[in-house]
Amino acid sequence: MKDGFKDLFHFGVGSAMLAREVVEDFVDEMIRAGRVQVDERTQLVSDFSKRAEDLYSRMGQEFRDRFSQMAQEMDLVTRQEFEELQKKVAALSAKKKTAAAKTKSKTASKKKNP
């Protein structure tokens, strides 16, 4: 599942890069058509790119919000809950080892001193 998110992230980055290229091509076409002056190119590309980045950012936030909502509805464990459970399991495991070592040591003592 983690790879899926990584792929989705890379898709988003690639889309943003492609969007900039599309914007540049669009502005260049507008210049060729005489609708835009050459000296306006940089500003237009910047403006359109900023809008595309803002849209991409909003879409990313919307995706994260919806995914979080779905995860809650599906009652999935959060990263924080998972880490807390790992700590509890590690603590219980350590307790068990300590108790087993004490029991083993008492058993060995009893065998030496019947």
PDB file of N, CA and C in Angstrom:
ATOM      1  N   MET A   1       0.831  -1.182   0.000  1.00  0.00           N
ATOM      2  CA  MET A   1       0.000   0.000   0.000  1.00  0.00           C
ATOM      3  C   MET A   1       0.880   1.252   0.000  1.00  0.00           C
ATOM      4  N   LYS A   2       2.009   1.167   0.716  1.00  0.00           N
ATOM      5  CA  LYS A   2       2.928   2.292   0.783  1.00  0.00           C
ATOM      6  C   LYS A   2       3.459   2.627  -0.609  1.00  0.00           C
ATOM      7  N   ASP A   3       3.765   1.607  -1.406  1.00  0.00           N
ATOM      8  CA  ASP A   3       4.247   1.829  -2.769  1.00  0.00           C
ATOM      9  C   ASP A   3       3.191   2.527  -3.610  1.00  0.00           C
ATOM     10  N   GLY A   4       1.941   2.201  -3.360  1.00  0.00           N
ATOM     11  CA  GLY A   4       0.850   2.844  -4.089  1.00  0.00           C
ATOM     12  C   GLY A   4       0.818   4.342  -3.835  1.00  0.00           C
ATOM     13  N   PHE A   5       1.030   4.728  -2.582  1.00  0.00           N
ATOM     14  CA  PHE A   5       1.051   6.149  -2.253  1.00  0.00           C
ATOM     15  C   PHE A   5       2.276   6.826  -2.850  1.00  0.00           C
ATOM     16  N   LYS A   6       3.394   6.108  -2.852  1.00  0.00           N
ATOM     17  CA  LYS A   6       4.611   6.662  -3.440  1.00  0.00           C
ATOM     18  C   LYS A   6       4.386   6.891  -4.937  1.00  0.00           C
ATOM     19  N   ASP A   7       3.751   5.913  -5.587  1.00  0.00           N
ATOM     20  CA  ASP A   7       3.450   6.056  -7.013  1.00  0.00           C
ATOM     21  C   ASP A   7       2.510   7.233  -7.251  1.00  0.00           C
ATOM     22  N   LEU A   8       1.524   7.371  -6.372  1.00  0.00           N
ATOM     23  CA  LEU A   8       0.572   8.470  -6.497  1.00  0.00           C
ATOM     24  C   LEU A   8       1.284   9.814  -6.333  1.00  0.00           C
ATOM     25  N   PHE A   9       2.217   9.877  -5.381  1.00  0.00           N
ATOM     26  CA  PHE A   9       2.991  11.100  -5.177  1.00  0.00           C
ATOM     27  C   PHE A   9       3.796  11.431  -6.429  1.00  0.00           C
ATOM     28  N   HIS A  10       4.488  10.413  -6.968  1.00  0.00           N
ATOM     29  CA  HIS A  10       5.287  10.637  -8.169  1.00  0.00           C
ATOM     30  C   HIS A  10       4.410  11.045  -9.349  1.00  0.00           C
ATOM     31  N   PHE A  11       3.223  10.467  -9.423  1.00  0.00           N
ATOM     32  CA  PHE A  11       2.277  10.852 -10.462  1.00  0.00           C
ATOM     33  C   PHE A  11       1.932  12.337 -10.317  1.00  0.00           C
ATOM     34  N   GLY A  12       1.706  12.771  -9.082  1.00  0.00           N
ATOM     35  CA  GLY A  12       1.372  14.165  -8.828  1.00  0.00           C
ATOM     36  C   GLY A  12       2.497  15.101  -9.212  1.00  0.00           C
ATOM     37  N   VAL A  13       3.710  14.727  -8.859  1.00  0.00           N
ATOM     38  CA  VAL A  13       4.874  15.549  -9.206  1.00  0.00           C
ATOM     39  C   VAL A  13       5.020  15.609 -10.723  1.00  0.00           C
ATOM     40  N   GLY A  14       4.889  14.464 -11.359  1.00  0.00           N
ATOM     41  CA  GLY A  14       4.979  14.431 -12.823  1.00  0.00           C
ATOM     42  C   GLY A  14       3.886  15.259 -13.461  1.00  0.00           C
ATOM     43  N   SER A  15       2.690  15.194 -12.895  1.00  0.00           N
ATOM     44  CA  SER A  15       1.575  15.983 -13.418  1.00  0.00           C
ATOM     45  C   SER A  15       1.852  17.469 -13.297  1.00  0.00           C
ATOM     46  N   ALA A  16       2.427  17.871 -12.165  1.00  0.00           N
ATOM     47  CA  ALA A  16       2.743  19.286 -11.967  1.00  0.00           C
ATOM     48  C   ALA A  16       3.775  19.753 -12.987  1.00  0.00           C
ATOM     49  N   MET A  17       4.781  18.908 -13.235  1.00  0.00           N
ATOM     50  CA  MET A  17       5.802  19.269 -14.219  1.00  0.00           C
ATOM     51  C   MET A  17       5.193  19.345 -15.609  1.00  0.00           C
ATOM     52  N   LEU A  18       4.334  18.383 -15.911  1.00  0.00           N
ATOM     53  CA  LEU A  18       3.667  18.376 -17.207  1.00  0.00           C
ATOM     54  C   LEU A  18       2.762  19.588 -17.342  1.00  0.00           C
ATOM     55  N   ALA A  19       2.097  19.957 -16.266  1.00  0.00           N
ATOM     56  CA  ALA A  19       1.201  21.117 -16.304  1.00  0.00           C
ATOM     57  C   ALA A  19       1.989  22.377 -16.665  1.00  0.00           C
ATOM     58  N   ARG A  20       3.186  22.510 -16.100  1.00  0.00           N
ATOM     59  CA  ARG A  20       4.005  23.692 -16.423  1.00  0.00           C
ATOM     60  C   ARG A  20       4.359  23.695 -17.909  1.00  0.00           C
ATOM     61  N   GLU A  21       4.706  22.529 -18.438  1.00  0.00           N
ATOM     62  CA  GLU A  21       5.032  22.446 -19.864  1.00  0.00           C
ATOM     63  C   GLU A  21       3.819  22.802 -20.718  1.00  0.00           C
ATOM     64  N   VAL A  22       2.663  22.333 -20.309  1.00  0.00           N
ATOM     65  CA  VAL A  22       1.433  22.634 -21.057  1.00  0.00           C
ATOM     66  C   VAL A  22       1.160  24.131 -21.010  1.00  0.00           C
ATOM     67  N   VAL A  23       1.355  24.728 -19.832  1.00  0.00           N
ATOM     68  CA  VAL A  23       1.157  26.172 -19.693  1.00  0.00           C
ATOM     69  C   VAL A  23       2.112  26.926 -20.616  1.00  0.00           C
ATOM     70  N   GLU A  24       3.379  26.525 -20.605  1.00  0.00           N
ATOM     71  CA  GLU A  24       4.360  27.191 -21.467  1.00  0.00           C
ATOM     72  C   GLU A  24       3.969  27.056 -22.937  1.00  0.00           C
ATOM     73  N   ASP A  25       3.558  25.858 -23.336  1.00  0.00           N
ATOM     74  CA  ASP A  25       3.133  25.656 -24.729  1.00  0.00           C
ATOM     75  C   ASP A  25       1.918  26.516 -25.061  1.00  0.00           C
ATOM     76  N   PHE A  26       0.973  26.591 -24.134  1.00  0.00           N
ATOM     77  CA  PHE A  26      -0.232  27.385 -24.339  1.00  0.00           C
ATOM     78  C   PHE A  26       0.117  28.861 -24.512  1.00  0.00           C
ATOM     79  N   VAL A  27       0.968  29.371 -23.624  1.00  0.00           N
ATOM     80  CA  VAL A  27       1.362  30.784 -23.712  1.00  0.00           C
ATOM     81  C   VAL A  27       2.127  31.039 -25.010  1.00  0.00           C
ATOM     82  N   ASP A  28       3.001  30.120 -25.384  1.00  0.00           N
ATOM     83  CA  ASP A  28       3.733  30.273 -26.647  1.00  0.00           C
ATOM     84  C   ASP A  28       2.771  30.317 -27.840  1.00  0.00           C
ATOM     85  N   GLU A  29       1.747  29.507 -27.782  1.00  0.00           N
ATOM     86  CA  GLU A  29       0.747  29.502 -28.856  1.00  0.00           C
ATOM     87  C   GLU A  29      -0.014  30.829 -28.872  1.00  0.00           C
ATOM     88  N   MET A  30      -0.303  31.360 -27.690  1.00  0.00           N
ATOM     89  CA  MET A  30      -0.982  32.657 -27.605  1.00  0.00           C
ATOM     90  C   MET A  30      -0.090  33.762 -28.191  1.00  0.00           C
ATOM     91  N   ILE A  31       1.202  33.653 -27.979  1.00  0.00           N
ATOM     92  CA  ILE A  31       2.142  34.638 -28.538  1.00  0.00           C
ATOM     93  C   ILE A  31       2.135  34.536 -30.064  1.00  0.00           C
ATOM     94  N   ARG A  32       2.211  33.287 -30.564  1.00  0.00           N
ATOM     95  CA  ARG A  32       2.193  33.084 -32.025  1.00  0.00           C
ATOM     96  C   ARG A  32       0.904  33.614 -32.647  1.00  0.00           C
ATOM     97  N   ALA A  33      -0.193  33.482 -31.911  1.00  0.00           N
ATOM     98  CA  ALA A  33      -1.480  33.950 -32.425  1.00  0.00           C
ATOM     99  C   ALA A  33      -1.632  35.467 -32.287  1.00  0.00           C
ATOM    100  N   GLY A  34      -0.695  36.101 -31.596  1.00  0.00           N
ATOM    101  CA  GLY A  34      -0.743  37.546 -31.447  1.00  0.00           C
ATOM    102  C   GLY A  34      -1.636  38.028 -30.324  1.00  0.00           C
ATOM    103  N   ARG A  35      -2.088  37.136 -29.488  1.00  0.00           N
ATOM    104  CA  ARG A  35      -2.976  37.521 -28.381  1.00  0.00           C
ATOM    105  C   ARG A  35      -2.203  37.972 -27.138  1.00  0.00           C
ATOM    106  N   VAL A  36      -0.929  37.616 -27.098  1.00  0.00           N
ATOM    107  CA  VAL A  36      -0.091  37.939 -25.939  1.00  0.00           C
ATOM    108  C   VAL A  36       1.243  38.451 -26.459  1.00  0.00           C
ATOM    109  N   GLN A  37       1.795  39.415 -25.777  1.00  0.00           N
ATOM    110  CA  GLN A  37       3.105  39.948 -26.134  1.00  0.00           C
ATOM    111  C   GLN A  37       4.202  39.066 -25.541  1.00  0.00           C
ATOM    112  N   VAL A  38       5.331  38.991 -26.223  1.00  0.00           N
ATOM    113  CA  VAL A  38       6.461  38.168 -25.783  1.00  0.00           C
ATOM    114  C   VAL A  38       6.913  38.550 -24.380  1.00  0.00           C
ATOM    115  N   ASP A  39       6.893  39.850 -24.076  1.00  0.00           N
ATOM    116  CA  ASP A  39       7.369  40.281 -22.758  1.00  0.00           C
ATOM    117  C   ASP A  39       6.406  39.892 -21.628  1.00  0.00           C
ATOM    118  N   GLU A  40       5.216  39.436 -21.966  1.00  0.00           N
ATOM    119  CA  GLU A  40       4.250  38.980 -20.956  1.00  0.00           C
ATOM    120  C   GLU A  40       4.403  37.493 -20.644  1.00  0.00           C
ATOM    121  N   ARG A  41       5.197  36.795 -21.449  1.00  0.00           N
ATOM    122  CA  ARG A  41       5.319  35.342 -21.333  1.00  0.00           C
ATOM    123  C   ARG A  41       5.691  34.891 -19.919  1.00  0.00           C
ATOM    124  N   THR A  42       6.758  35.436 -19.380  1.00  0.00           N
ATOM    125  CA  THR A  42       7.243  34.997 -18.072  1.00  0.00           C
ATOM    126  C   THR A  42       6.178  35.163 -16.997  1.00  0.00           C
ATOM    127  N   GLN A  43       5.528  36.324 -17.008  1.00  0.00           N
ATOM    128  CA  GLN A  43       4.503  36.583 -15.990  1.00  0.00           C
ATOM    129  C   GLN A  43       3.307  35.645 -16.166  1.00  0.00           C
ATOM    130  N   LEU A  44       2.870  35.446 -17.394  1.00  0.00           N
ATOM    131  CA  LEU A  44       1.729  34.551 -17.637  1.00  0.00           C
ATOM    132  C   LEU A  44       2.045  33.111 -17.234  1.00  0.00           C
ATOM    133  N   VAL A  45       3.218  32.641 -17.629  1.00  0.00           N
ATOM    134  CA  VAL A  45       3.612  31.276 -17.255  1.00  0.00           C
ATOM    135  C   VAL A  45       3.645  31.159 -15.738  1.00  0.00           C
ATOM    136  N   SER A  46       4.192  32.162 -15.088  1.00  0.00           N
ATOM    137  CA  SER A  46       4.267  32.153 -13.628  1.00  0.00           C
ATOM    138  C   SER A  46       2.868  32.151 -13.010  1.00  0.00           C
ATOM    139  N   ASP A  47       1.986  33.010 -13.515  1.00  0.00           N
ATOM    140  CA  ASP A  47       0.619  33.096 -12.986  1.00  0.00           C
ATOM    141  C   ASP A  47      -0.141  31.782 -13.176  1.00  0.00           C
ATOM    142  N   PHE A  48      -0.096  31.251 -14.397  1.00  0.00           N
ATOM    143  CA  PHE A  48      -0.797  29.993 -14.674  1.00  0.00           C
ATOM    144  C   PHE A  48      -0.206  28.837 -13.861  1.00  0.00           C
ATOM    145  N   SER A  49       1.111  28.818 -13.752  1.00  0.00           N
ATOM    146  CA  SER A  49       1.760  27.756 -12.986  1.00  0.00           C
ATOM    147  C   SER A  49       1.373  27.840 -11.518  1.00  0.00           C
ATOM    148  N   LYS A  50       1.308  29.057 -10.990  1.00  0.00           N
ATOM    149  CA  LYS A  50       0.915  29.258  -9.588  1.00  0.00           C
ATOM    150  C   LYS A  50      -0.502  28.747  -9.374  1.00  0.00           C
ATOM    151  N   ARG A  51      -1.385  29.065 -10.302  1.00  0.00           N
ATOM    152  CA  ARG A  51      -2.766  28.585 -10.192  1.00  0.00           C
ATOM    153  C   ARG A  51      -2.818  27.060 -10.222  1.00  0.00           C
ATOM    154  N   ALA A  52      -2.026  26.475 -11.110  1.00  0.00           N
ATOM    155  CA  ALA A  52      -1.995  25.008 -11.202  1.00  0.00           C
ATOM    156  C   ALA A  52      -1.439  24.401  -9.915  1.00  0.00           C
ATOM    157  N   GLU A  53      -0.396  25.006  -9.359  1.00  0.00           N
ATOM    158  CA  GLU A  53       0.170  24.507  -8.104  1.00  0.00           C
ATOM    159  C   GLU A  53      -0.832  24.632  -6.970  1.00  0.00           C
ATOM    160  N   ASP A  54      -1.555  25.751  -6.914  1.00  0.00           N
ATOM    161  CA  ASP A  54      -2.575  25.939  -5.884  1.00  0.00           C
ATOM    162  C   ASP A  54      -3.670  24.879  -6.008  1.00  0.00           C
ATOM    163  N   LEU A  55      -4.094  24.643  -7.241  1.00  0.00           N
ATOM    164  CA  LEU A  55      -5.111  23.623  -7.479  1.00  0.00           C
ATOM    165  C   LEU A  55      -4.597  22.244  -7.068  1.00  0.00           C
ATOM    166  N   TYR A  56      -3.366  21.941  -7.442  1.00  0.00           N
ATOM    167  CA  TYR A  56      -2.759  20.661  -7.081  1.00  0.00           C
ATOM    168  C   TYR A  56      -2.688  20.511  -5.561  1.00  0.00           C
ATOM    169  N   SER A  57      -2.316  21.579  -4.888  1.00  0.00           N
ATOM    170  CA  SER A  57      -2.228  21.567  -3.429  1.00  0.00           C
ATOM    171  C   SER A  57      -3.597  21.331  -2.801  1.00  0.00           C
ATOM    172  N   ARG A  58      -4.612  22.023  -3.295  1.00  0.00           N
ATOM    173  CA  ARG A  58      -5.971  21.832  -2.767  1.00  0.00           C
ATOM    174  C   ARG A  58      -6.454  20.414  -3.022  1.00  0.00           C
ATOM    175  N   MET A  59      -6.146  19.897  -4.215  1.00  0.00           N
ATOM    176  CA  MET A  59      -6.563  18.526  -4.529  1.00  0.00           C
ATOM    177  C   MET A  59      -5.852  17.528  -3.612  1.00  0.00           C
ATOM    178  N   GLY A  60      -4.566  17.780  -3.341  1.00  0.00           N
ATOM    179  CA  GLY A  60      -3.817  16.914  -2.446  1.00  0.00           C
ATOM    180  C   GLY A  60      -4.411  16.918  -1.049  1.00  0.00           C
ATOM    181  N   GLN A  61      -4.774  18.106  -0.572  1.00  0.00           N
ATOM    182  CA  GLN A  61      -5.388  18.212   0.757  1.00  0.00           C
ATOM    183  C   GLN A  61      -6.734  17.514   0.775  1.00  0.00           C
ATOM    184  N   GLU A  62      -7.497  17.692  -0.285  1.00  0.00           N
ATOM    185  CA  GLU A  62      -8.798  17.021  -0.393  1.00  0.00           C
ATOM    186  C   GLU A  62      -8.612  15.504  -0.368  1.00  0.00           C
ATOM    187  N   PHE A  63      -7.612  15.010  -1.082  1.00  0.00           N
ATOM    188  CA  PHE A  63      -7.326  13.577  -1.086  1.00  0.00           C
ATOM    189  C   PHE A  63      -6.986  13.100   0.316  1.00  0.00           C
ATOM    190  N   ARG A  64      -6.090  13.833   1.003  1.00  0.00           N
ATOM    191  CA  ARG A  64      -5.701  13.434   2.367  1.00  0.00           C
ATOM    192  C   ARG A  64      -6.900  13.438   3.297  1.00  0.00           C
ATOM    193  N   ASP A  65      -7.755  14.472   3.190  1.00  0.00           N
ATOM    194  CA  ASP A  65      -8.945  14.552   4.040  1.00  0.00           C
ATOM    195  C   ASP A  65      -9.886  13.380   3.787  1.00  0.00           C
ATOM    196  N   ARG A  66     -10.121  13.095   2.524  1.00  0.00           N
ATOM    197  CA  ARG A  66     -11.035  11.992   2.187  1.00  0.00           C
ATOM    198  C   ARG A  66     -10.455  10.643   2.605  1.00  0.00           C
ATOM    199  N   PHE A  67      -9.145  10.484   2.421  1.00  0.00           N
ATOM    200  CA  PHE A  67      -8.521   9.228   2.829  1.00  0.00           C
ATOM    201  C   PHE A  67      -8.608   9.062   4.334  1.00  0.00           C
ATOM    202  N   SER A  68      -8.377  10.125   5.082  1.00  0.00           N
ATOM    203  CA  SER A  68      -8.480  10.062   6.542  1.00  0.00           C
ATOM    204  C   SER A  68      -9.895   9.696   6.964  1.00  0.00           C
ATOM    205  N   GLN A  69     -10.857  10.294   6.295  1.00  0.00           N
ATOM    206  CA  GLN A  69     -12.254   9.999   6.599  1.00  0.00           C
ATOM    207  C   GLN A  69     -12.562   8.531   6.314  1.00  0.00           C
ATOM    208  N   MET A  70     -12.100   8.029   5.178  1.00  0.00           N
ATOM    209  CA  MET A  70     -12.324   6.620   4.840  1.00  0.00           C
ATOM    210  C   MET A  70     -11.645   5.706   5.851  1.00  0.00           C
ATOM    211  N   ALA A  71     -10.438   6.060   6.258  1.00  0.00           N
ATOM    212  CA  ALA A  71      -9.706   5.245   7.231  1.00  0.00           C
ATOM    213  C   ALA A  71     -10.463   5.201   8.548  1.00  0.00           C
ATOM    214  N   GLN A  72     -11.048   6.326   8.958  1.00  0.00           N
ATOM    215  CA  GLN A  72     -11.835   6.344  10.189  1.00  0.00           C
ATOM    216  C   GLN A  72     -13.089   5.497  10.039  1.00  0.00           C
ATOM    217  N   GLU A  73     -13.758   5.620   8.900  1.00  0.00           N
ATOM    218  CA  GLU A  73     -14.973   4.842   8.667  1.00  0.00           C
ATOM    219  C   GLU A  73     -14.681   3.349   8.639  1.00  0.00           C
ATOM    220  N   MET A  74     -13.490   2.990   8.145  1.00  0.00           N
ATOM    221  CA  MET A  74     -13.102   1.582   8.081  1.00  0.00           C
ATOM    222  C   MET A  74     -12.474   1.125   9.395  1.00  0.00           C
ATOM    223  N   ASP A  75     -12.362   2.054  10.355  1.00  0.00           N
ATOM    224  CA  ASP A  75     -11.801   1.773  11.670  1.00  0.00           C
ATOM    225  C   ASP A  75     -10.366   1.260  11.579  1.00  0.00           C
ATOM    226  N   LEU A  76      -9.575   1.880  10.688  1.00  0.00           N
ATOM    227  CA  LEU A  76      -8.170   1.513  10.558  1.00  0.00           C
ATOM    228  C   LEU A  76      -7.363   2.131  11.686  1.00  0.00           C
ATOM    229  N   VAL A  77      -6.292   1.483  12.053  1.00  0.00           N
ATOM    230  CA  VAL A  77      -5.417   1.960  13.112  1.00  0.00           C
ATOM    231  C   VAL A  77      -4.539   3.081  12.556  1.00  0.00           C
ATOM    232  N   THR A  78      -4.388   4.149  13.342  1.00  0.00           N
ATOM    233  CA  THR A  78      -3.515   5.244  12.919  1.00  0.00           C
ATOM    234  C   THR A  78      -2.065   4.875  13.213  1.00  0.00           C
ATOM    235  N   ARG A  79      -1.139   5.607  12.630  1.00  0.00           N
ATOM    236  CA  ARG A  79       0.293   5.380  12.865  1.00  0.00           C
ATOM    237  C   ARG A  79       0.597   5.513  14.354  1.00  0.00           C
ATOM    238  N   GLN A  80       0.027   6.541  14.983  1.00  0.00           N
ATOM    239  CA  GLN A  80       0.269   6.779  16.410  1.00  0.00           C
ATOM    240  C   GLN A  80      -0.250   5.607  17.249  1.00  0.00           C
ATOM    241  N   GLU A  81      -1.450   5.137  16.951  1.00  0.00           N
ATOM    242  CA  GLU A  81      -1.998   3.995  17.685  1.00  0.00           C
ATOM    243  C   GLU A  81      -1.131   2.756  17.492  1.00  0.00           C
ATOM    244  N   PHE A  82      -0.659   2.547  16.283  1.00  0.00           N
ATOM    245  CA  PHE A  82       0.191   1.407  15.981  1.00  0.00           C
ATOM    246  C   PHE A  82       1.492   1.475  16.776  1.00  0.00           C
ATOM    247  N   GLU A  83       2.105   2.644  16.818  1.00  0.00           N
ATOM    248  CA  GLU A  83       3.362   2.808  17.544  1.00  0.00           C
ATOM    249  C   GLU A  83       3.164   2.606  19.048  1.00  0.00           C
ATOM    250  N   GLU A  84       2.033   3.095  19.565  1.00  0.00           N
ATOM    251  CA  GLU A  84       1.733   2.886  20.987  1.00  0.00           C
ATOM    252  C   GLU A  84       1.577   1.393  21.288  1.00  0.00           C
ATOM    253  N   LEU A  85       0.902   0.685  20.404  1.00  0.00           N
ATOM    254  CA  LEU A  85       0.745  -0.760  20.586  1.00  0.00           C
ATOM    255  C   LEU A  85       2.095  -1.478  20.517  1.00  0.00           C
ATOM    256  N   GLN A  86       2.966  -1.046  19.620  1.00  0.00           N
ATOM    257  CA  GLN A  86       4.305  -1.640  19.530  1.00  0.00           C
ATOM    258  C   GLN A  86       5.055  -1.472  20.842  1.00  0.00           C
ATOM    259  N   LYS A  87       4.968  -0.285  21.439  1.00  0.00           N
ATOM    260  CA  LYS A  87       5.636  -0.027  22.714  1.00  0.00           C
ATOM    261  C   LYS A  87       5.078  -0.932  23.818  1.00  0.00           C
ATOM    262  N   LYS A  88       3.761  -1.086  23.850  1.00  0.00           N
ATOM    263  CA  LYS A  88       3.125  -1.933  24.863  1.00  0.00           C
ATOM    264  C   LYS A  88       3.559  -3.388  24.695  1.00  0.00           C
ATOM    265  N   VAL A  89       3.591  -3.849  23.466  1.00  0.00           N
ATOM    266  CA  VAL A  89       4.006  -5.233  23.195  1.00  0.00           C
ATOM    267  C   VAL A  89       5.464  -5.426  23.607  1.00  0.00           C
ATOM    268  N   ALA A  90       6.310  -4.464  23.301  1.00  0.00           N
ATOM    269  CA  ALA A  90       7.725  -4.558  23.680  1.00  0.00           C
ATOM    270  C   ALA A  90       7.878  -4.591  25.192  1.00  0.00           C
ATOM    271  N   ALA A  91       7.101  -3.756  25.908  1.00  0.00           N
ATOM    272  CA  ALA A  91       7.164  -3.730  27.367  1.00  0.00           C
ATOM    273  C   ALA A  91       6.690  -5.060  27.954  1.00  0.00           C
ATOM    274  N   LEU A  92       5.602  -5.591  27.425  1.00  0.00           N
ATOM    275  CA  LEU A  92       5.093  -6.884  27.911  1.00  0.00           C
ATOM    276  C   LEU A  92       6.078  -8.006  27.608  1.00  0.00           C
ATOM    277  N   SER A  93       6.696  -7.956  26.465  1.00  0.00           N
ATOM    278  CA  SER A  93       7.682  -8.963  26.085  1.00  0.00           C
ATOM    279  C   SER A  93       8.882  -8.909  27.036  1.00  0.00           C
ATOM    280  N   ALA A  94       9.317  -7.713  27.364  1.00  0.00           N
ATOM    281  CA  ALA A  94      10.438  -7.560  28.295  1.00  0.00           C
ATOM    282  C   ALA A  94      10.057  -8.085  29.678  1.00  0.00           C
ATOM    283  N   LYS A  95       8.823  -7.791  30.118  1.00  0.00           N
ATOM    284  CA  LYS A  95       8.342  -8.290  31.416  1.00  0.00           C
ATOM    285  C   LYS A  95       8.325  -9.814  31.437  1.00  0.00           C
ATOM    286  N   LYS A  96       7.851 -10.383  30.351  1.00  0.00           N
ATOM    287  CA  LYS A  96       7.759 -11.836  30.260  1.00  0.00           C
ATOM    288  C   LYS A  96       9.150 -12.454  30.344  1.00  0.00           C
ATOM    289  N   LYS A  97      10.116 -11.873  29.641  1.00  0.00           N
ATOM    290  CA  LYS A  97      11.485 -12.393  29.675  1.00  0.00           C
ATOM    291  C   LYS A  97      12.067 -12.298  31.079  1.00  0.00           C
ATOM    292  N   THR A  98      11.798 -11.174  31.747  1.00  0.00           N
ATOM    293  CA  THR A  98      12.303 -10.984  33.108  1.00  0.00           C
ATOM    294  C   THR A  98      11.677 -12.015  34.046  1.00  0.00           C
ATOM    295  N   ALA A  99      10.372 -12.207  33.919  1.00  0.00           N
ATOM    296  CA  ALA A  99       9.684 -13.182  34.762  1.00  0.00           C
ATOM    297  C   ALA A  99      10.185 -14.592  34.483  1.00  0.00           C
ATOM    298  N   ALA A 100      10.404 -14.902  33.216  1.00  0.00           N
ATOM    299  CA  ALA A 100      10.905 -16.232  32.849  1.00  0.00           C
ATOM    300  C   ALA A 100      12.304 -16.439  33.403  1.00  0.00           C
ATOM    301  N   ALA A 101      13.124 -15.419  33.379  1.00  0.00           N
ATOM    302  CA  ALA A 101      14.490 -15.520  33.903  1.00  0.00           C
ATOM    303  C   ALA A 101      14.457 -15.734  35.412  1.00  0.00           C
ATOM    304  N   LYS A 102      13.563 -15.029  36.118  1.00  0.00           N
ATOM    305  CA  LYS A 102      13.434 -15.202  37.575  1.00  0.00           C
ATOM    306  C   LYS A 102      12.965 -16.613  37.904  1.00  0.00           C
ATOM    307  N   THR A 103      11.988 -17.096  37.156  1.00  0.00           N
ATOM    308  CA  THR A 103      11.463 -18.442  37.387  1.00  0.00           C
ATOM    309  C   THR A 103      12.549 -19.477  37.150  1.00  0.00           C
ATOM    310  N   LYS A 104      13.301 -19.302  36.093  1.00  0.00           N
ATOM    311  CA  LYS A 104      14.383 -20.221  35.761  1.00  0.00           C
ATOM    312  C   LYS A 104      15.439 -20.210  36.865  1.00  0.00           C
ATOM    313  N   SER A 105      15.745 -19.031  37.363  1.00  0.00           N
ATOM    314  CA  SER A 105      16.750 -18.891  38.412  1.00  0.00           C
ATOM    315  C   SER A 105      16.262 -19.540  39.708  1.00  0.00           C
ATOM    316  N   LYS A 106      14.973 -19.378  40.060  1.00  0.00           N
ATOM    317  CA  LYS A 106      14.410 -20.011  41.266  1.00  0.00           C
ATOM    318  C   LYS A 106      14.414 -21.523  41.120  1.00  0.00           C
ATOM    319  N   THR A 107      14.074 -22.003  39.944  1.00  0.00           N
ATOM    320  CA  THR A 107      14.050 -23.450  39.686  1.00  0.00           C
ATOM    321  C   THR A 107      15.454 -24.019  39.820  1.00  0.00           C
ATOM    322  N   ALA A 108      16.423 -23.324  39.300  1.00  0.00           N
ATOM    323  CA  ALA A 108      17.812 -23.784  39.380  1.00  0.00           C
ATOM    324  C   ALA A 108      18.279 -23.787  40.831  1.00  0.00           C
ATOM    325  N   SER A 109      17.876 -22.792  41.645  1.00  0.00           N
ATOM    326  CA  SER A 109      18.244 -22.739  43.051  1.00  0.00           C
ATOM    327  C   SER A 109      17.642 -23.898  43.829  1.00  0.00           C
ATOM    328  N   LYS A 110      16.392 -24.216  43.552  1.00  0.00           N
ATOM    329  CA  LYS A 110      15.711 -25.303  44.248  1.00  0.00           C
ATOM    330  C   LYS A 110      16.365 -26.638  43.939  1.00  0.00           C
ATOM    331  N   LYS A 111      16.816 -26.791  42.706  1.00  0.00           N
ATOM    332  CA  LYS A 111      17.461 -28.044  42.316  1.00  0.00           C
ATOM    333  C   LYS A 111      18.807 -28.192  43.023  1.00  0.00           C
ATOM    334  N   LYS A 112      19.500 -27.080  43.266  1.00  0.00           N
ATOM    335  CA  LYS A 112      20.794 -27.125  43.956  1.00  0.00           C
ATOM    336  C   LYS A 112      20.617 -27.359  45.445  1.00  0.00           C
ATOM    337  N   ASN A 113      19.585 -26.762  46.026  1.00  0.00           N
ATOM    338  CA  ASN A 113      19.331 -26.866  47.456  1.00  0.00           C
ATOM    339  C   ASN A 113      17.996 -27.569  47.711  1.00  0.00           C
ATOM    340  N   PRO A 114      17.945 -28.853  47.650  1.00  0.00           N
ATOM    341  CA  PRO A 114      16.653 -29.541  47.847  1.00  0.00           C
ATOM    342  C   PRO A 114      16.221 -29.575  49.278  1.00  0.00           C
TER     343      PRO A 114
END
